[in-house]
């Protein structure tokens, strides 16, 4: 079995902060065992958000997360600013979530490199 070590690529471990490139690489890898949380308000989320992200506004973060997400789930979180993102990540870590990463630059960084976004408004205006 040891002769196969190194033949198959592996993803690096989660970091406290993640660049958009690293999250995109993980999504492209096809690993579904992660959740992306957008902590901005619902209106901003409806205008645009990272494809596959879920909306949990910061004020509701702990109550909604604990209802639906396992404490060991890999979570990537982003907000309006890196400060809001850090606050959300700290809130989740304080609530005993062990695998939380702050998406540096948030949606703006994601859009800057033309990664896929969704808009609920687009879907309702068709």
N, C-alpha and C. Protein backbone atom coordinates (compact mmCIF):
# COMPACT_ATOMS: atom_id res chain seq x y z
N UNK A 1 0.82 -1.19 0.00
CA UNK A 1 0.00 0.00 0.00
C UNK A 1 0.86 1.25 0.00
N UNK A 2 2.01 1.23 0.68
CA UNK A 2 2.88 2.40 0.76
C UNK A 2 3.40 2.81 -0.61
N UNK A 3 3.46 1.89 -1.56
CA UNK A 3 3.97 2.23 -2.88
C UNK A 3 3.05 3.19 -3.62
N UNK A 4 1.79 3.33 -3.15
CA UNK A 4 0.85 4.24 -3.79
C UNK A 4 0.83 5.63 -3.16
N UNK A 5 1.52 5.78 -2.02
CA UNK A 5 1.56 7.09 -1.38
C UNK A 5 2.18 8.11 -2.31
N UNK A 6 1.58 9.25 -2.43
CA UNK A 6 2.12 10.30 -3.29
C UNK A 6 1.63 10.23 -4.72
N UNK A 7 0.99 9.14 -5.12
CA UNK A 7 0.49 9.03 -6.47
C UNK A 7 -0.80 9.80 -6.68
N UNK A 8 -1.56 9.93 -5.61
CA UNK A 8 -2.84 10.61 -5.70
C UNK A 8 -2.73 11.97 -5.00
N UNK A 9 -3.11 13.02 -5.71
CA UNK A 9 -3.01 14.34 -5.08
C UNK A 9 -3.97 14.46 -3.91
N UNK A 10 -3.56 15.22 -2.93
CA UNK A 10 -4.42 15.49 -1.77
C UNK A 10 -4.53 16.99 -1.59
N UNK A 11 -5.64 17.40 -1.01
CA UNK A 11 -5.84 18.81 -0.74
C UNK A 11 -5.10 19.21 0.51
N UNK A 12 -4.61 20.44 0.55
CA UNK A 12 -3.97 20.90 1.79
C UNK A 12 -5.02 21.06 2.88
N UNK A 13 -4.62 21.00 4.15
CA UNK A 13 -5.59 21.16 5.23
C UNK A 13 -6.18 22.57 5.24
N UNK A 14 -7.35 22.70 5.85
CA UNK A 14 -7.99 24.01 5.96
C UNK A 14 -7.12 24.95 6.76
N UNK A 15 -7.15 26.21 6.37
CA UNK A 15 -6.43 27.26 7.08
C UNK A 15 -7.45 28.18 7.74
N UNK A 16 -6.99 29.02 8.67
CA UNK A 16 -7.90 29.98 9.31
C UNK A 16 -8.40 31.00 8.31
N UNK A 17 -7.59 31.30 7.30
CA UNK A 17 -7.99 32.19 6.22
C UNK A 17 -7.69 31.49 4.90
N UNK A 18 -8.56 31.72 3.93
CA UNK A 18 -8.44 31.06 2.63
C UNK A 18 -8.52 32.10 1.52
N UNK A 19 -7.67 31.93 0.51
CA UNK A 19 -7.76 32.76 -0.68
C UNK A 19 -8.84 32.17 -1.58
N UNK A 20 -9.45 33.02 -2.41
CA UNK A 20 -10.50 32.54 -3.30
C UNK A 20 -9.98 31.44 -4.21
N UNK A 21 -8.72 31.51 -4.62
CA UNK A 21 -8.14 30.49 -5.50
C UNK A 21 -8.17 29.11 -4.83
N UNK A 22 -7.88 29.10 -3.53
CA UNK A 22 -7.84 27.82 -2.82
C UNK A 22 -9.24 27.22 -2.65
N UNK A 23 -10.23 28.06 -2.37
CA UNK A 23 -11.60 27.55 -2.27
C UNK A 23 -12.07 27.05 -3.63
N UNK A 24 -11.78 27.79 -4.68
CA UNK A 24 -12.18 27.37 -6.03
C UNK A 24 -11.53 26.04 -6.39
N UNK A 25 -10.26 25.87 -6.03
CA UNK A 25 -9.57 24.61 -6.30
C UNK A 25 -10.27 23.45 -5.57
N UNK A 26 -10.69 23.71 -4.36
CA UNK A 26 -11.38 22.65 -3.61
C UNK A 26 -12.73 22.33 -4.24
N UNK A 27 -13.44 23.36 -4.69
CA UNK A 27 -14.72 23.11 -5.37
C UNK A 27 -14.50 22.36 -6.68
N UNK A 28 -13.48 22.74 -7.42
CA UNK A 28 -13.17 22.06 -8.68
C UNK A 28 -12.75 20.61 -8.44
N UNK A 29 -12.17 20.35 -7.29
CA UNK A 29 -11.75 19.01 -6.91
C UNK A 29 -12.98 18.10 -6.82
N UNK A 30 -14.14 18.72 -6.54
CA UNK A 30 -15.37 17.95 -6.47
C UNK A 30 -15.67 17.42 -5.09
N UNK A 31 -15.05 18.01 -4.08
CA UNK A 31 -15.28 17.55 -2.72
C UNK A 31 -16.48 18.28 -2.13
N UNK A 32 -17.59 17.58 -1.93
CA UNK A 32 -18.82 18.24 -1.49
C UNK A 32 -18.92 18.49 0.01
N UNK A 33 -18.00 18.00 0.80
CA UNK A 33 -18.13 18.07 2.25
C UNK A 33 -17.70 19.43 2.81
N UNK A 34 -18.32 20.48 2.28
CA UNK A 34 -18.05 21.81 2.78
C UNK A 34 -19.29 22.67 2.63
N UNK A 35 -19.32 23.75 3.38
CA UNK A 35 -20.42 24.70 3.29
C UNK A 35 -19.84 26.10 3.19
N UNK A 36 -20.38 26.90 2.28
CA UNK A 36 -19.99 28.30 2.14
C UNK A 36 -21.13 29.13 2.70
N UNK A 37 -20.82 29.97 3.69
CA UNK A 37 -21.84 30.81 4.32
C UNK A 37 -21.58 32.27 4.00
N UNK A 38 -22.61 32.92 3.49
CA UNK A 38 -22.61 34.36 3.22
C UNK A 38 -23.34 35.01 4.39
N UNK A 39 -22.63 35.85 5.17
CA UNK A 39 -23.26 36.45 6.36
C UNK A 39 -23.78 37.87 6.09
N UNK A 40 -23.74 38.31 4.84
CA UNK A 40 -24.30 39.62 4.51
C UNK A 40 -25.82 39.57 4.63
N UNK A 41 -26.48 40.72 4.56
CA UNK A 41 -27.94 40.69 4.68
C UNK A 41 -28.56 40.03 3.45
N UNK A 42 -29.78 39.58 3.62
CA UNK A 42 -30.48 38.80 2.59
C UNK A 42 -30.59 39.55 1.26
N UNK A 43 -30.82 40.86 1.29
CA UNK A 43 -30.92 41.62 0.04
C UNK A 43 -29.63 41.57 -0.75
N UNK A 44 -28.50 41.72 -0.07
CA UNK A 44 -27.22 41.64 -0.76
C UNK A 44 -27.00 40.24 -1.33
N UNK A 45 -27.35 39.24 -0.56
CA UNK A 45 -27.24 37.85 -1.01
C UNK A 45 -28.08 37.64 -2.28
N UNK A 46 -29.30 38.18 -2.29
CA UNK A 46 -30.18 38.01 -3.45
C UNK A 46 -29.62 38.67 -4.69
N UNK A 47 -28.90 39.77 -4.53
CA UNK A 47 -28.30 40.46 -5.69
C UNK A 47 -27.20 39.62 -6.30
N UNK A 48 -26.31 39.10 -5.49
CA UNK A 48 -25.28 38.18 -5.98
C UNK A 48 -24.56 37.53 -4.82
N UNK A 49 -24.14 36.29 -5.05
CA UNK A 49 -23.40 35.52 -4.05
C UNK A 49 -22.60 34.43 -4.75
N UNK A 50 -21.64 33.88 -4.04
CA UNK A 50 -20.83 32.79 -4.58
C UNK A 50 -21.75 31.60 -4.87
N UNK A 51 -21.58 31.01 -6.03
CA UNK A 51 -22.39 29.86 -6.41
C UNK A 51 -22.30 28.78 -5.34
N UNK A 52 -23.45 28.36 -4.85
CA UNK A 52 -23.53 27.31 -3.85
C UNK A 52 -23.53 27.81 -2.41
N UNK A 53 -23.31 29.11 -2.21
CA UNK A 53 -23.31 29.65 -0.84
C UNK A 53 -24.73 29.66 -0.28
N UNK A 54 -24.80 29.59 1.04
CA UNK A 54 -26.08 29.74 1.71
C UNK A 54 -26.07 31.06 2.48
N UNK A 55 -27.25 31.64 2.64
CA UNK A 55 -27.37 32.90 3.35
C UNK A 55 -27.74 32.65 4.81
N UNK A 56 -26.84 33.10 5.69
CA UNK A 56 -27.15 33.12 7.12
C UNK A 56 -26.62 34.46 7.64
N UNK A 57 -27.48 35.45 7.76
CA UNK A 57 -27.03 36.74 8.26
C UNK A 57 -26.34 36.62 9.62
N UNK A 58 -25.37 37.48 9.85
CA UNK A 58 -24.54 37.41 11.04
C UNK A 58 -25.35 37.31 12.33
N UNK A 59 -26.43 38.06 12.43
CA UNK A 59 -27.25 38.06 13.65
C UNK A 59 -27.89 36.70 13.92
N UNK A 60 -28.06 35.88 12.89
CA UNK A 60 -28.71 34.56 13.03
C UNK A 60 -27.72 33.41 12.96
N UNK A 61 -26.44 33.72 12.84
CA UNK A 61 -25.44 32.72 12.48
C UNK A 61 -25.41 31.52 13.41
N UNK A 62 -25.24 31.72 14.68
CA UNK A 62 -25.09 30.59 15.59
C UNK A 62 -26.38 29.78 15.68
N UNK A 63 -27.51 30.45 15.83
CA UNK A 63 -28.76 29.70 15.99
C UNK A 63 -29.08 28.86 14.76
N UNK A 64 -28.88 29.40 13.58
CA UNK A 64 -29.19 28.64 12.36
C UNK A 64 -28.12 27.59 12.06
N UNK A 65 -26.87 27.92 12.30
CA UNK A 65 -25.80 26.95 12.03
C UNK A 65 -25.94 25.73 12.93
N UNK A 66 -26.20 25.95 14.20
CA UNK A 66 -26.30 24.80 15.11
C UNK A 66 -27.50 23.91 14.81
N UNK A 67 -28.50 24.44 14.14
CA UNK A 67 -29.67 23.64 13.76
C UNK A 67 -29.36 22.73 12.57
N UNK A 68 -28.40 23.13 11.72
CA UNK A 68 -28.25 22.38 10.48
C UNK A 68 -26.84 21.91 10.14
N UNK A 69 -25.82 22.40 10.82
CA UNK A 69 -24.45 22.04 10.44
C UNK A 69 -23.72 21.33 11.58
N UNK A 70 -23.10 20.21 11.24
CA UNK A 70 -22.30 19.47 12.20
C UNK A 70 -21.12 20.32 12.66
N UNK A 71 -20.71 20.18 13.90
CA UNK A 71 -19.62 20.99 14.45
C UNK A 71 -18.27 20.73 13.79
N UNK A 72 -18.15 19.61 13.08
CA UNK A 72 -16.89 19.31 12.39
C UNK A 72 -16.95 19.60 10.89
N UNK A 73 -18.06 20.14 10.44
CA UNK A 73 -18.23 20.47 9.01
C UNK A 73 -17.19 21.51 8.60
N UNK A 74 -16.63 21.39 7.40
CA UNK A 74 -15.73 22.41 6.86
C UNK A 74 -16.59 23.58 6.39
N UNK A 75 -16.36 24.75 6.98
CA UNK A 75 -17.16 25.94 6.69
C UNK A 75 -16.26 27.06 6.20
N UNK A 76 -16.65 27.64 5.08
CA UNK A 76 -16.00 28.85 4.56
C UNK A 76 -17.00 29.97 4.71
N UNK A 77 -16.58 31.08 5.29
CA UNK A 77 -17.50 32.16 5.59
C UNK A 77 -16.99 33.46 4.97
N UNK A 78 -17.93 34.28 4.49
CA UNK A 78 -17.56 35.61 4.00
C UNK A 78 -18.66 36.60 4.27
N UNK A 79 -18.26 37.88 4.39
CA UNK A 79 -19.19 38.96 4.63
C UNK A 79 -18.88 40.14 3.74
N UNK A 80 -19.37 41.32 4.12
CA UNK A 80 -19.11 42.54 3.36
C UNK A 80 -17.65 42.95 3.38
N UNK A 81 -17.04 42.77 4.54
CA UNK A 81 -15.64 43.17 4.73
C UNK A 81 -14.88 42.02 5.38
N UNK A 82 -13.55 42.11 5.33
CA UNK A 82 -12.76 41.09 6.02
C UNK A 82 -13.01 41.13 7.52
N UNK A 83 -13.33 42.31 8.05
CA UNK A 83 -13.62 42.43 9.48
C UNK A 83 -14.92 41.70 9.84
N UNK A 84 -15.95 41.87 9.01
CA UNK A 84 -17.20 41.16 9.25
C UNK A 84 -16.99 39.65 9.10
N UNK A 85 -16.20 39.27 8.13
CA UNK A 85 -15.89 37.85 7.93
C UNK A 85 -15.18 37.29 9.15
N UNK A 86 -14.20 38.03 9.68
CA UNK A 86 -13.47 37.57 10.87
C UNK A 86 -14.40 37.46 12.07
N UNK A 87 -15.32 38.40 12.21
CA UNK A 87 -16.29 38.35 13.31
C UNK A 87 -17.16 37.10 13.19
N UNK A 88 -17.62 36.80 11.98
CA UNK A 88 -18.45 35.62 11.77
C UNK A 88 -17.66 34.34 12.08
N UNK A 89 -16.43 34.28 11.62
CA UNK A 89 -15.61 33.09 11.88
C UNK A 89 -15.36 32.92 13.37
N UNK A 90 -15.07 34.00 14.06
CA UNK A 90 -14.86 33.94 15.51
C UNK A 90 -16.12 33.48 16.21
N UNK A 91 -17.26 33.97 15.77
CA UNK A 91 -18.55 33.57 16.35
C UNK A 91 -18.76 32.07 16.20
N UNK A 92 -18.47 31.54 15.02
CA UNK A 92 -18.63 30.10 14.80
C UNK A 92 -17.63 29.29 15.62
N UNK A 93 -16.38 29.75 15.67
CA UNK A 93 -15.37 29.03 16.46
C UNK A 93 -15.75 29.02 17.94
N UNK A 94 -16.28 30.14 18.43
CA UNK A 94 -16.71 30.23 19.83
C UNK A 94 -17.87 29.27 20.10
N UNK A 95 -18.67 29.01 19.08
CA UNK A 95 -19.79 28.07 19.19
C UNK A 95 -19.35 26.62 18.97
N UNK A 96 -18.03 26.38 19.00
CA UNK A 96 -17.42 25.04 18.92
C UNK A 96 -17.29 24.46 17.52
N UNK A 97 -17.44 25.27 16.48
CA UNK A 97 -17.15 24.78 15.13
C UNK A 97 -15.64 24.73 14.98
N UNK A 98 -15.14 23.58 14.56
CA UNK A 98 -13.68 23.38 14.56
C UNK A 98 -13.02 23.64 13.21
N UNK A 99 -13.77 23.66 12.12
CA UNK A 99 -13.18 23.82 10.79
C UNK A 99 -13.80 25.01 10.08
N UNK A 100 -13.40 26.20 10.49
CA UNK A 100 -13.94 27.43 9.93
C UNK A 100 -12.81 28.22 9.29
N UNK A 101 -13.04 28.64 8.06
CA UNK A 101 -12.05 29.45 7.35
C UNK A 101 -12.68 30.72 6.82
N UNK A 102 -11.96 31.83 6.97
CA UNK A 102 -12.41 33.13 6.49
C UNK A 102 -12.00 33.27 5.03
N UNK A 103 -12.94 33.56 4.16
CA UNK A 103 -12.64 33.76 2.75
C UNK A 103 -12.15 35.19 2.56
N UNK A 104 -10.86 35.35 2.37
CA UNK A 104 -10.24 36.67 2.26
C UNK A 104 -10.74 37.41 1.02
N UNK A 105 -11.19 38.62 1.21
CA UNK A 105 -11.69 39.43 0.11
C UNK A 105 -13.14 39.19 -0.22
N UNK A 106 -13.71 38.10 0.29
CA UNK A 106 -15.12 37.80 0.12
C UNK A 106 -15.59 37.78 -1.33
N UNK A 107 -16.81 38.22 -1.53
CA UNK A 107 -17.44 38.19 -2.84
C UNK A 107 -16.68 39.07 -3.84
N UNK A 108 -16.16 40.20 -3.40
CA UNK A 108 -15.42 41.09 -4.31
C UNK A 108 -14.21 40.38 -4.89
N UNK A 109 -13.47 39.66 -4.06
CA UNK A 109 -12.29 38.93 -4.55
C UNK A 109 -12.73 37.80 -5.50
N UNK A 110 -13.83 37.15 -5.17
CA UNK A 110 -14.36 36.06 -6.00
C UNK A 110 -14.73 36.59 -7.39
N UNK A 111 -15.43 37.74 -7.40
CA UNK A 111 -15.84 38.35 -8.67
C UNK A 111 -14.63 38.87 -9.45
N UNK A 112 -13.62 39.36 -8.75
CA UNK A 112 -12.44 39.95 -9.40
C UNK A 112 -11.72 38.96 -10.29
N UNK A 113 -11.82 37.68 -9.97
CA UNK A 113 -11.17 36.65 -10.80
C UNK A 113 -12.20 35.89 -11.63
N UNK A 114 -13.40 36.45 -11.73
CA UNK A 114 -14.47 35.93 -12.60
C UNK A 114 -14.91 34.51 -12.26
N UNK A 115 -14.93 34.18 -10.97
CA UNK A 115 -15.47 32.89 -10.56
C UNK A 115 -16.99 32.97 -10.57
N UNK A 116 -17.67 31.82 -10.64
CA UNK A 116 -19.13 31.84 -10.81
C UNK A 116 -19.89 32.39 -9.61
N UNK A 117 -20.89 33.20 -9.94
CA UNK A 117 -21.78 33.75 -8.93
C UNK A 117 -23.21 33.43 -9.33
N UNK A 118 -24.10 33.53 -8.36
CA UNK A 118 -25.52 33.35 -8.60
C UNK A 118 -26.25 34.59 -8.14
N UNK A 119 -27.45 34.77 -8.67
CA UNK A 119 -28.31 35.86 -8.25
C UNK A 119 -29.73 35.35 -8.18
N UNK A 120 -30.36 35.52 -7.05
CA UNK A 120 -31.75 35.12 -6.93
C UNK A 120 -32.62 36.04 -7.74
N UNK A 121 -32.22 37.30 -7.87
CA UNK A 121 -32.99 38.26 -8.66
C UNK A 121 -33.05 37.85 -10.13
N UNK A 122 -31.94 37.34 -10.66
CA UNK A 122 -31.94 36.86 -12.06
C UNK A 122 -32.95 35.74 -12.26
N UNK A 123 -33.01 34.85 -11.30
CA UNK A 123 -33.89 33.70 -11.42
C UNK A 123 -35.36 34.12 -11.37
N UNK A 124 -35.67 35.18 -10.62
CA UNK A 124 -37.06 35.57 -10.48
C UNK A 124 -37.53 36.54 -11.57
N UNK A 125 -36.59 37.11 -12.33
CA UNK A 125 -36.97 38.06 -13.37
C UNK A 125 -37.02 37.45 -14.75
N UNK A 126 -36.76 36.17 -14.86
CA UNK A 126 -36.79 35.51 -16.17
C UNK A 126 -38.19 35.20 -16.61
